[in-house]
């Protein structure tokens, strides 16, 4: 049960981190591209 809870938390964090990274890349592209 604890392993499942930790895995759910890890997947949630990974999704949020990847979303954050994707938005950073998008913002960087908007800023740096002409």
N, C-alpha and C. Protein backbone atom coordinates (compact mmCIF):
# COMPACT_ATOMS: atom_id res chain seq x y z
N UNK A 1 0.84 -1.20 0.00
CA UNK A 1 0.00 0.00 0.00
C UNK A 1 0.88 1.25 0.00
N UNK A 2 1.91 1.24 0.84
CA UNK A 2 2.81 2.38 0.89
C UNK A 2 3.58 2.53 -0.43
N UNK A 3 3.95 1.38 -1.03
CA UNK A 3 4.67 1.42 -2.30
C UNK A 3 3.79 2.03 -3.39
N UNK A 4 2.51 1.65 -3.38
CA UNK A 4 1.57 2.21 -4.37
C UNK A 4 1.41 3.72 -4.16
N UNK A 5 1.31 4.12 -2.89
CA UNK A 5 1.16 5.54 -2.58
C UNK A 5 2.38 6.32 -3.06
N UNK A 6 3.57 5.78 -2.79
CA UNK A 6 4.80 6.45 -3.22
C UNK A 6 4.87 6.53 -4.73
N UNK A 7 4.45 5.44 -5.41
CA UNK A 7 4.51 5.41 -6.87
C UNK A 7 3.54 6.44 -7.46
N UNK A 8 2.35 6.57 -6.88
CA UNK A 8 1.39 7.57 -7.35
C UNK A 8 1.97 8.97 -7.18
N UNK A 9 2.60 9.22 -6.04
CA UNK A 9 3.19 10.53 -5.78
C UNK A 9 4.32 10.79 -6.79
N UNK A 10 5.13 9.78 -7.06
CA UNK A 10 6.24 9.93 -7.99
C UNK A 10 5.74 10.22 -9.41
N UNK A 11 4.69 9.51 -9.83
CA UNK A 11 4.16 9.76 -11.18
C UNK A 11 3.54 11.14 -11.26
N UNK A 12 2.87 11.57 -10.20
CA UNK A 12 2.27 12.90 -10.20
C UNK A 12 3.36 13.96 -10.30
N UNK A 13 4.43 13.78 -9.52
CA UNK A 13 5.53 14.73 -9.55
C UNK A 13 6.22 14.73 -10.91
N UNK A 14 6.39 13.55 -11.50
CA UNK A 14 7.04 13.45 -12.81
C UNK A 14 6.20 14.16 -13.87
N UNK A 15 4.89 13.98 -13.80
CA UNK A 15 4.02 14.67 -14.76
C UNK A 15 4.14 16.18 -14.60
N UNK A 16 4.10 16.65 -13.36
CA UNK A 16 4.18 18.07 -13.12
C UNK A 16 5.53 18.62 -13.57
N UNK A 17 6.61 17.88 -13.27
CA UNK A 17 7.95 18.32 -13.65
C UNK A 17 8.10 18.38 -15.17
N UNK A 18 7.58 17.36 -15.86
CA UNK A 18 7.69 17.35 -17.32
C UNK A 18 6.86 18.48 -17.93
N UNK A 19 5.70 18.74 -17.34
CA UNK A 19 4.86 19.84 -17.82
C UNK A 19 5.57 21.17 -17.63
N UNK A 20 6.19 21.34 -16.46
CA UNK A 20 6.93 22.56 -16.15
C UNK A 20 8.09 22.73 -17.12
N UNK A 21 8.81 21.63 -17.40
CA UNK A 21 9.95 21.68 -18.31
C UNK A 21 9.47 22.01 -19.72
N UNK A 22 8.36 21.43 -20.13
CA UNK A 22 7.82 21.69 -21.47
C UNK A 22 7.44 23.17 -21.60
N UNK A 23 6.83 23.73 -20.55
CA UNK A 23 6.46 25.15 -20.61
C UNK A 23 7.70 26.03 -20.64
N UNK A 24 8.75 25.64 -19.90
CA UNK A 24 9.99 26.40 -19.94
C UNK A 24 10.59 26.39 -21.34
N UNK A 25 10.59 25.22 -21.97
CA UNK A 25 11.12 25.10 -23.33
C UNK A 25 10.30 25.96 -24.29
N UNK A 26 8.99 25.94 -24.12
CA UNK A 26 8.11 26.74 -24.99
C UNK A 26 8.40 28.24 -24.80
N UNK A 27 8.52 28.67 -23.56
CA UNK A 27 8.82 30.08 -23.28
C UNK A 27 10.19 30.46 -23.86
N UNK A 28 11.17 29.59 -23.68
CA UNK A 28 12.51 29.86 -24.23
C UNK A 28 12.45 29.97 -25.73
N UNK A 29 11.68 29.11 -26.38
CA UNK A 29 11.55 29.16 -27.84
C UNK A 29 10.91 30.48 -28.27
N UNK A 30 9.89 30.91 -27.53
CA UNK A 30 9.22 32.17 -27.87
C UNK A 30 10.18 33.35 -27.71
N UNK A 31 10.99 33.29 -26.65
CA UNK A 31 11.92 34.39 -26.37
C UNK A 31 13.06 34.41 -27.39
N UNK A 32 13.69 33.24 -27.63
CA UNK A 32 14.92 33.24 -28.40
C UNK A 32 14.71 33.19 -29.90
N UNK A 33 13.59 32.62 -30.35
CA UNK A 33 13.38 32.58 -31.80
C UNK A 33 12.90 33.93 -32.29
N UNK A 34 13.30 34.34 -33.49
CA UNK A 34 12.88 35.64 -34.01
C UNK A 34 11.38 35.71 -34.28
